[in-house]
Amino acid sequence: MHGIVDSLWLRREGANEDDFERLRREIEAETKFPISFEGIYKWIAFLPSKVNAGVPVLNRYFGAYRDGRVKVRGIEARRHDTPTLFTKCQLEILSVLGRGKTVKEATALVDECVGVFLKFAWSILDHSAPIRELVFTRRLSKKPEEYVNRSLTSTVAGQLVREGVELHAGESVRYVITDYESKSAGRRAVAFDLVDEMTAYDSKRYVALLAEACSTVLEPFREDCNAEGLVQAVNREILHAEVLI
């Protein structure tokens, strides 16, 4: 099915653990490399490239083993720069999907997963989500003064430099998005070290980014659960309902 530097995923109808163990021993004997058998998946999704949807990314996948364990690689929940809230939401969705014994059963759980997303989205919209759980971490690719484009990363790096912090290429900065659509670069984000009780995060932008993270694990099961579809669910299930109330 798939292969990367140190792993192979194989599929054979009707095969059991003994069949794969026998194959493992044969590969090990032939190659003289130690081979481990990690387990049998109930289902697994190899995520496509964002540049070419027909090509899977080598080390970006998630799946559920028969024993209930969920394995993830290369998605938001495994990245160190992802806000804690996004990781919690994505892992809770994967826990729900992991109950499905087949792709069909996992797909039947998608509505419940959308409910998980809406729960976290609501916590952002009503600002009950702690600001510390919405912090992005980005590594500087150059010195702060060498940036030409005013990205969020360069903006917060500049804020810290003005506060007397010395930064170098390779170091990381942490920030919170405060007004993403602002024409003033300094208003778009604030360095987390400069956050105070008056700092308010941009809930609309955070919901959109949360939708992108959740679509990573939901869209493979249902096409309407792309980022745009999840944002529409927020508008329909939360914002529209609030207007009616």
C-alpha atoms as a PDB file:
ATOM      1  CA  MET A   1       0.000   0.000   0.000  1.00  0.00           C
ATOM      2  CA  HIS A   2       2.689   2.460   1.040  1.00  0.00           C
ATOM      3  CA  GLY A   3       6.331   2.619   1.988  1.00  0.00           C
ATOM      4  CA  ILE A   4       8.799   5.105   3.477  1.00  0.00           C
ATOM      5  CA  VAL A   5      12.418   4.882   4.598  1.00  0.00           C
ATOM      6  CA  ASP A   6      11.848   2.478   7.487  1.00  0.00           C
ATOM      7  CA  SER A   7       8.297   1.177   7.120  1.00  0.00           C
ATOM      8  CA  LEU A   8       6.038  -0.830   4.831  1.00  0.00           C
ATOM      9  CA  TRP A   9       2.252  -1.053   4.892  1.00  0.00           C
ATOM     10  CA  LEU A  10       0.877  -4.193   3.286  1.00  0.00           C
ATOM     11  CA  ARG A  11      -2.627  -5.392   2.573  1.00  0.00           C
ATOM     12  CA  ARG A  12      -3.854  -8.883   1.851  1.00  0.00           C
ATOM     13  CA  GLU A  13      -7.486  -9.926   2.040  1.00  0.00           C
ATOM     14  CA  GLY A  14      -8.117 -12.461   4.794  1.00  0.00           C
ATOM     15  CA  ALA A  15      -4.580 -12.265   6.211  1.00  0.00           C
ATOM     16  CA  ASN A  16      -4.092 -12.620   9.961  1.00  0.00           C
ATOM     17  CA  GLU A  17      -1.250 -11.813  12.320  1.00  0.00           C
ATOM     18  CA  ASP A  18       0.491 -15.152  11.672  1.00  0.00           C
ATOM     19  CA  ASP A  19       0.584 -14.414   7.941  1.00  0.00           C
ATOM     20  CA  PHE A  20       2.284 -11.067   8.479  1.00  0.00           C
ATOM     21  CA  GLU A  21       4.665 -12.524  11.062  1.00  0.00           C
ATOM     22  CA  ARG A  22       5.735 -15.170   8.559  1.00  0.00           C
ATOM     23  CA  LEU A  23       6.341 -12.497   5.933  1.00  0.00           C
ATOM     24  CA  ARG A  24       8.307 -10.447   8.466  1.00  0.00           C
ATOM     25  CA  ARG A  25      10.620 -13.401   9.111  1.00  0.00           C
ATOM     26  CA  GLU A  26      11.104 -13.950   5.381  1.00  0.00           C
ATOM     27  CA  ILE A  27      12.026 -10.297   4.783  1.00  0.00           C
ATOM     28  CA  GLU A  28      14.377 -10.342   7.761  1.00  0.00           C
ATOM     29  CA  ALA A  29      16.077 -13.510   6.536  1.00  0.00           C
ATOM     30  CA  GLU A  30      16.464 -12.163   3.003  1.00  0.00           C
ATOM     31  CA  THR A  31      17.672  -8.655   3.864  1.00  0.00           C
ATOM     32  CA  LYS A  32      19.575  -9.452   7.085  1.00  0.00           C
ATOM     33  CA  PHE A  33      17.925  -6.398   8.624  1.00  0.00           C
ATOM     34  CA  PRO A  34      15.946  -6.694  11.871  1.00  0.00           C
ATOM     35  CA  ILE A  35      12.246  -6.166  11.081  1.00  0.00           C
ATOM     36  CA  SER A  36       9.498  -5.539  13.620  1.00  0.00           C
ATOM     37  CA  PHE A  37       5.797  -6.243  13.197  1.00  0.00           C
ATOM     38  CA  GLU A  38       3.897  -3.258  14.565  1.00  0.00           C
ATOM     39  CA  GLY A  39       0.314  -4.425  14.204  1.00  0.00           C
ATOM     40  CA  ILE A  40      -2.741  -4.689  11.992  1.00  0.00           C
ATOM     41  CA  TYR A  41      -4.763  -1.575  11.241  1.00  0.00           C
ATOM     42  CA  LYS A  42      -8.540  -1.486  11.174  1.00  0.00           C
ATOM     43  CA  TRP A  43      -8.170   1.431   8.791  1.00  0.00           C
ATOM     44  CA  ILE A  44      -5.505   3.933   7.801  1.00  0.00           C
ATOM     45  CA  ALA A  45      -5.417   7.175   5.824  1.00  0.00           C
ATOM     46  CA  PHE A  46      -2.358   8.324   3.873  1.00  0.00           C
ATOM     47  CA  LEU A  47      -2.798  12.037   3.359  1.00  0.00           C
ATOM     48  CA  PRO A  48      -2.288  13.633  -0.063  1.00  0.00           C
ATOM     49  CA  SER A  49       0.108  16.378  -0.955  1.00  0.00           C
ATOM     50  CA  LYS A  50      -1.393  19.858  -0.851  1.00  0.00           C
ATOM     51  CA  VAL A  51       0.370  20.550  -4.154  1.00  0.00           C
ATOM     52  CA  ASN A  52      -0.752  17.359  -5.919  1.00  0.00           C
ATOM     53  CA  ALA A  53      -3.771  15.633  -4.372  1.00  0.00           C
ATOM     54  CA  GLY A  54      -2.981  12.457  -6.294  1.00  0.00           C
ATOM     55  CA  VAL A  55       0.330  11.957  -4.519  1.00  0.00           C
ATOM     56  CA  PRO A  56       0.489  10.856  -0.858  1.00  0.00           C
ATOM     57  CA  VAL A  57       2.976  12.533   1.472  1.00  0.00           C
ATOM     58  CA  LEU A  58       5.572  10.008   2.603  1.00  0.00           C
ATOM     59  CA  ASN A  59       5.286  10.509   6.351  1.00  0.00           C
ATOM     60  CA  ARG A  60       1.850  12.032   6.874  1.00  0.00           C
ATOM     61  CA  TYR A  61      -0.817   9.563   7.911  1.00  0.00           C
ATOM     62  CA  PHE A  62      -3.123   8.415  10.704  1.00  0.00           C
ATOM     63  CA  GLY A  63      -4.849   5.153  11.491  1.00  0.00           C
ATOM     64  CA  ALA A  64      -6.355   2.881  14.141  1.00  0.00           C
ATOM     65  CA  TYR A  65      -4.953  -0.505  15.115  1.00  0.00           C
ATOM     66  CA  ARG A  66      -7.163  -3.475  15.877  1.00  0.00           C
ATOM     67  CA  ASP A  67      -6.229  -3.196  19.559  1.00  0.00           C
ATOM     68  CA  GLY A  68      -7.665   0.341  19.716  1.00  0.00           C
ATOM     69  CA  ARG A  69      -4.423   2.313  19.530  1.00  0.00           C
ATOM     70  CA  VAL A  70      -4.374   5.318  17.218  1.00  0.00           C
ATOM     71  CA  LYS A  71      -1.186   6.216  15.359  1.00  0.00           C
ATOM     72  CA  VAL A  72      -0.546   9.632  13.841  1.00  0.00           C
ATOM     73  CA  ARG A  73       2.424  11.023  11.949  1.00  0.00           C
ATOM     74  CA  GLY A  74       3.010  14.382  10.303  1.00  0.00           C
ATOM     75  CA  ILE A  75      -0.367  15.956  11.146  1.00  0.00           C
ATOM     76  CA  GLU A  76      -1.062  18.974  13.348  1.00  0.00           C
ATOM     77  CA  ALA A  77      -1.376  16.992  16.592  1.00  0.00           C
ATOM     78  CA  ARG A  78       2.217  15.770  16.151  1.00  0.00           C
ATOM     79  CA  ARG A  79       3.732  19.162  15.385  1.00  0.00           C
ATOM     80  CA  HIS A  80       5.373  21.237  18.091  1.00  0.00           C
ATOM     81  CA  ASP A  81       4.184  24.515  16.574  1.00  0.00           C
ATOM     82  CA  THR A  82       0.476  23.673  16.825  1.00  0.00           C
ATOM     83  CA  PRO A  83      -1.667  25.429  19.460  1.00  0.00           C
ATOM     84  CA  THR A  84      -2.568  23.117  22.340  1.00  0.00           C
ATOM     85  CA  LEU A  85      -6.294  23.574  21.737  1.00  0.00           C
ATOM     86  CA  PHE A  86      -5.964  22.373  18.134  1.00  0.00           C
ATOM     87  CA  THR A  87      -4.055  19.282  19.268  1.00  0.00           C
ATOM     88  CA  LYS A  88      -6.695  18.460  21.888  1.00  0.00           C
ATOM     89  CA  CYS A  89      -9.500  18.819  19.352  1.00  0.00           C
ATOM     90  CA  GLN A  90      -7.791  16.735  16.680  1.00  0.00           C
ATOM     91  CA  LEU A  91      -6.887  13.951  19.119  1.00  0.00           C
ATOM     92  CA  GLU A  92     -10.433  13.813  20.492  1.00  0.00           C
ATOM     93  CA  ILE A  93     -11.760  13.463  16.945  1.00  0.00           C
ATOM     94  CA  LEU A  94      -9.266  10.670  16.243  1.00  0.00           C
ATOM     95  CA  SER A  95     -10.354   8.926  19.440  1.00  0.00           C
ATOM     96  CA  VAL A  96     -13.942   8.933  18.157  1.00  0.00           C
ATOM     97  CA  LEU A  97     -12.923   7.709  14.697  1.00  0.00           C
ATOM     98  CA  GLY A  98     -10.808   5.003  16.321  1.00  0.00           C
ATOM     99  CA  ARG A  99     -13.941   3.314  17.616  1.00  0.00           C
ATOM    100  CA  GLY A 100     -14.841   2.371  14.048  1.00  0.00           C
ATOM    101  CA  LYS A 101     -13.789  -1.173  13.154  1.00  0.00           C
ATOM    102  CA  THR A 102     -13.893  -0.431   9.426  1.00  0.00           C
ATOM    103  CA  VAL A 103     -13.737   2.603   7.160  1.00  0.00           C
ATOM    104  CA  LYS A 104     -17.511   2.427   6.866  1.00  0.00           C
ATOM    105  CA  GLU A 105     -17.978   2.403  10.636  1.00  0.00           C
ATOM    106  CA  ALA A 106     -15.497   5.266  11.084  1.00  0.00           C
ATOM    107  CA  THR A 107     -17.323   7.267   8.410  1.00  0.00           C
ATOM    108  CA  ALA A 108     -20.578   6.764  10.318  1.00  0.00           C
ATOM    109  CA  LEU A 109     -18.933   8.509  13.294  1.00  0.00           C
ATOM    110  CA  VAL A 110     -18.081  11.684  11.366  1.00  0.00           C
ATOM    111  CA  ASP A 111     -21.176  13.559  12.552  1.00  0.00           C
ATOM    112  CA  GLU A 112     -20.092  12.949  16.142  1.00  0.00           C
ATOM    113  CA  CYS A 113     -16.628  14.210  15.207  1.00  0.00           C
ATOM    114  CA  VAL A 114     -18.110  17.395  13.736  1.00  0.00           C
ATOM    115  CA  GLY A 115     -19.810  17.847  17.097  1.00  0.00           C
ATOM    116  CA  VAL A 116     -16.397  17.698  18.761  1.00  0.00           C
ATOM    117  CA  PHE A 117     -15.125  20.366  16.369  1.00  0.00           C
ATOM    118  CA  LEU A 118     -18.161  22.578  17.070  1.00  0.00           C
ATOM    119  CA  LYS A 119     -17.588  22.237  20.813  1.00  0.00           C
ATOM    120  CA  PHE A 120     -14.034  23.528  20.515  1.00  0.00           C
ATOM    121  CA  ALA A 121     -15.071  26.195  17.993  1.00  0.00           C
ATOM    122  CA  TRP A 122     -17.674  27.488  20.431  1.00  0.00           C
ATOM    123  CA  SER A 123     -15.062  27.725  23.194  1.00  0.00           C
ATOM    124  CA  ILE A 124     -13.077  30.001  20.873  1.00  0.00           C
ATOM    125  CA  LEU A 125     -16.055  32.116  19.836  1.00  0.00           C
ATOM    126  CA  ASP A 126     -17.210  32.755  23.407  1.00  0.00           C
ATOM    127  CA  HIS A 127     -13.582  33.333  24.479  1.00  0.00           C
ATOM    128  CA  SER A 128     -13.693  30.647  27.160  1.00  0.00           C
ATOM    129  CA  ALA A 129     -10.696  28.949  25.505  1.00  0.00           C
ATOM    130  CA  PRO A 130      -7.556  29.958  27.458  1.00  0.00           C
ATOM    131  CA  ILE A 131      -5.301  32.199  25.435  1.00  0.00           C
ATOM    132  CA  ARG A 132      -2.307  30.056  26.446  1.00  0.00           C
ATOM    133  CA  GLU A 133      -3.840  27.188  24.443  1.00  0.00           C
ATOM    134  CA  LEU A 134      -3.946  29.289  21.269  1.00  0.00           C
ATOM    135  CA  VAL A 135      -0.241  30.037  21.004  1.00  0.00           C
ATOM    136  CA  PHE A 136       1.589  29.380  17.730  1.00  0.00           C
ATOM    137  CA  THR A 137       5.316  28.636  17.750  1.00  0.00           C
ATOM    138  CA  ARG A 138       7.431  29.465  14.710  1.00  0.00           C
ATOM    139  CA  ARG A 139      11.153  29.126  14.096  1.00  0.00           C
ATOM    140  CA  LEU A 140      13.038  32.107  12.681  1.00  0.00           C
ATOM    141  CA  SER A 141      14.715  31.330   9.371  1.00  0.00           C
ATOM    142  CA  LYS A 142      16.833  34.486   9.560  1.00  0.00           C
ATOM    143  CA  LYS A 143      17.625  37.388  11.857  1.00  0.00           C
ATOM    144  CA  PRO A 144      14.597  39.612  12.610  1.00  0.00           C
ATOM    145  CA  GLU A 145      16.090  42.585  10.752  1.00  0.00           C
ATOM    146  CA  GLU A 146      16.650  40.493   7.614  1.00  0.00           C
ATOM    147  CA  TYR A 147      12.951  39.862   6.999  1.00  0.00           C
ATOM    148  CA  VAL A 148      11.459  41.824   4.097  1.00  0.00           C
ATOM    149  CA  ASN A 149       7.877  40.574   4.175  1.00  0.00           C
ATOM    150  CA  ARG A 150       5.874  41.399   7.278  1.00  0.00           C
ATOM    151  CA  SER A 151       4.676  37.919   8.195  1.00  0.00           C
ATOM    152  CA  LEU A 152       3.235  37.180  11.612  1.00  0.00           C
ATOM    153  CA  THR A 153       6.545  35.585  12.583  1.00  0.00           C
ATOM    154  CA  SER A 154       8.645  38.590  11.578  1.00  0.00           C
ATOM    155  CA  THR A 155       6.154  40.966  13.196  1.00  0.00           C
ATOM    156  CA  VAL A 156       6.307  39.330  16.618  1.00  0.00           C
ATOM    157  CA  ALA A 157      10.070  38.970  16.330  1.00  0.00           C
ATOM    158  CA  GLY A 158      10.250  42.725  15.782  1.00  0.00           C
ATOM    159  CA  GLN A 159       8.058  43.301  18.833  1.00  0.00           C
ATOM    160  CA  LEU A 160      10.417  41.264  20.995  1.00  0.00           C
ATOM    161  CA  VAL A 161      13.516  43.002  19.619  1.00  0.00           C
ATOM    162  CA  ARG A 162      11.998  46.371  20.515  1.00  0.00           C
ATOM    163  CA  GLU A 163      11.526  45.030  24.045  1.00  0.00           C
ATOM    164  CA  GLY A 164      15.229  44.288  24.242  1.00  0.00           C
ATOM    165  CA  VAL A 165      15.146  40.583  23.394  1.00  0.00           C
ATOM    166  CA  GLU A 166      18.048  39.370  21.252  1.00  0.00           C
ATOM    167  CA  LEU A 167      16.943  36.856  18.606  1.00  0.00           C
ATOM    168  CA  HIS A 168      18.879  34.830  16.059  1.00  0.00           C
ATOM    169  CA  ALA A 169      18.048  32.572  13.121  1.00  0.00           C
ATOM    170  CA  GLY A 170      16.990  29.160  14.373  1.00  0.00           C
ATOM    171  CA  GLU A 171      15.343  30.459  17.531  1.00  0.00           C
ATOM    172  CA  SER A 172      11.580  30.218  18.026  1.00  0.00           C
ATOM    173  CA  VAL A 173       8.995  32.886  18.737  1.00  0.00           C
ATOM    174  CA  ARG A 174       5.533  32.353  20.178  1.00  0.00           C
ATOM    175  CA  TYR A 175       2.536  34.484  19.341  1.00  0.00           C
ATOM    176  CA  VAL A 176      -1.223  34.904  19.505  1.00  0.00           C
ATOM    177  CA  ILE A 177      -3.258  36.145  16.518  1.00  0.00           C
ATOM    178  CA  THR A 178      -5.166  39.252  17.569  1.00  0.00           C
ATOM    179  CA  ASP A 179      -6.550  40.892  14.407  1.00  0.00           C
ATOM    180  CA  TYR A 180      -5.576  38.910  11.345  1.00  0.00           C
ATOM    181  CA  GLU A 181      -7.278  41.185   8.792  1.00  0.00           C
ATOM    182  CA  SER A 182      -5.759  44.386  10.144  1.00  0.00           C
ATOM    183  CA  LYS A 183      -3.805  46.532   7.679  1.00  0.00           C
ATOM    184  CA  SER A 184      -1.420  47.341  10.491  1.00  0.00           C
ATOM    185  CA  ALA A 185       1.123  44.528  10.839  1.00  0.00           C
ATOM    186  CA  GLY A 186       1.607  45.264  14.529  1.00  0.00           C
ATOM    187  CA  ARG A 187      -2.063  44.621  15.267  1.00  0.00           C
ATOM    188  CA  ARG A 188      -2.274  41.250  13.538  1.00  0.00           C
ATOM    189  CA  ALA A 189      -0.457  39.297  16.242  1.00  0.00           C
ATOM    190  CA  VAL A 190       1.283  39.805  19.558  1.00  0.00           C
ATOM    191  CA  ALA A 191       4.239  37.947  21.023  1.00  0.00           C
ATOM    192  CA  PHE A 192       2.991  35.647  23.779  1.00  0.00           C
ATOM    193  CA  ASP A 193       5.537  37.107  26.191  1.00  0.00           C
ATOM    194  CA  LEU A 194       3.796  40.473  25.748  1.00  0.00           C
ATOM    195  CA  VAL A 195       0.250  39.182  26.283  1.00  0.00           C
ATOM    196  CA  ASP A 196      -1.638  40.751  29.192  1.00  0.00           C
ATOM    197  CA  GLU A 197      -5.180  40.714  30.584  1.00  0.00           C
ATOM    198  CA  MET A 198      -6.289  43.180  27.895  1.00  0.00           C
ATOM    199  CA  THR A 199      -5.156  40.985  24.983  1.00  0.00           C
ATOM    200  CA  ALA A 200      -8.017  39.506  22.949  1.00  0.00           C
ATOM    201  CA  TYR A 201      -7.494  36.858  20.296  1.00  0.00           C
ATOM    202  CA  ASP A 202      -9.064  36.861  16.839  1.00  0.00           C
ATOM    203  CA  SER A 203     -11.785  34.242  17.311  1.00  0.00           C
ATOM    204  CA  LYS A 204     -12.859  34.231  13.646  1.00  0.00           C
ATOM    205  CA  ARG A 205      -9.338  33.487  12.441  1.00  0.00           C
ATOM    206  CA  TYR A 206      -8.795  30.813  15.067  1.00  0.00           C
ATOM    207  CA  VAL A 207     -12.020  29.022  14.122  1.00  0.00           C
ATOM    208  CA  ALA A 208     -10.919  29.024  10.471  1.00  0.00           C
ATOM    209  CA  LEU A 209      -7.525  27.566  11.411  1.00  0.00           C
ATOM    210  CA  LEU A 210      -9.119  24.990  13.714  1.00  0.00           C
ATOM    211  CA  ALA A 211     -11.347  23.971  10.796  1.00  0.00           C
ATOM    212  CA  GLU A 212      -8.241  23.413   8.651  1.00  0.00           C
ATOM    213  CA  ALA A 213      -6.704  21.177  11.328  1.00  0.00           C
ATOM    214  CA  CYS A 214      -9.892  19.154  11.774  1.00  0.00           C
ATOM    215  CA  SER A 215     -10.401  18.773   8.022  1.00  0.00           C
ATOM    216  CA  THR A 216      -7.053  16.948   7.930  1.00  0.00           C
ATOM    217  CA  VAL A 217      -8.598  13.985   9.758  1.00  0.00           C
ATOM    218  CA  LEU A 218     -12.224  14.310   8.602  1.00  0.00           C
ATOM    219  CA  GLU A 219     -12.083  15.077   4.876  1.00  0.00           C
ATOM    220  CA  PRO A 220     -10.581  11.660   4.009  1.00  0.00           C
ATOM    221  CA  PHE A 221     -13.832  10.145   5.314  1.00  0.00           C
ATOM    222  CA  ARG A 222     -16.280  12.739   3.992  1.00  0.00           C
ATOM    223  CA  GLU A 223     -15.602  15.368   1.335  1.00  0.00           C
ATOM    224  CA  ASP A 224     -17.969  17.947   2.811  1.00  0.00           C
ATOM    225  CA  CYS A 225     -15.805  18.038   5.933  1.00  0.00           C
ATOM    226  CA  ASN A 226     -13.148  20.182   4.285  1.00  0.00           C
ATOM    227  CA  ALA A 227     -12.133  23.403   6.011  1.00  0.00           C
ATOM    228  CA  GLU A 228     -14.775  25.454   4.216  1.00  0.00           C
ATOM    229  CA  GLY A 229     -17.503  22.948   5.053  1.00  0.00           C
ATOM    230  CA  LEU A 230     -16.579  22.955   8.745  1.00  0.00           C
ATOM    231  CA  VAL A 231     -16.648  26.756   8.881  1.00  0.00           C
ATOM    232  CA  GLN A 232     -20.087  26.634   7.266  1.00  0.00           C
ATOM    233  CA  ALA A 233     -21.149  24.219  10.011  1.00  0.00           C
ATOM    234  CA  VAL A 234     -20.076  26.810  12.590  1.00  0.00           C
ATOM    235  CA  ASN A 235     -22.088  29.499  10.808  1.00  0.00           C
ATOM    236  CA  ARG A 236     -25.101  27.217  10.577  1.00  0.00           C
ATOM    237  CA  GLU A 237     -25.036  25.467  13.949  1.00  0.00           C
ATOM    238  CA  ILE A 238     -23.591  28.170  16.197  1.00  0.00           C
ATOM    239  CA  LEU A 239     -23.688  31.682  14.752  1.00  0.00           C
ATOM    240  CA  HIS A 240     -27.083  31.369  13.049  1.00  0.00           C
ATOM    241  CA  ALA A 241     -28.524  29.727  16.167  1.00  0.00           C
ATOM    242  CA  GLU A 242     -27.215  32.616  18.272  1.00  0.00           C
ATOM    243  CA  VAL A 243     -28.942  35.127  15.993  1.00  0.00           C
ATOM    244  CA  LEU A 244     -32.241  33.237  16.311  1.00  0.00           C
ATOM    245  CA  ILE A 245     -31.971  33.226  20.086  1.00  0.00           C
END
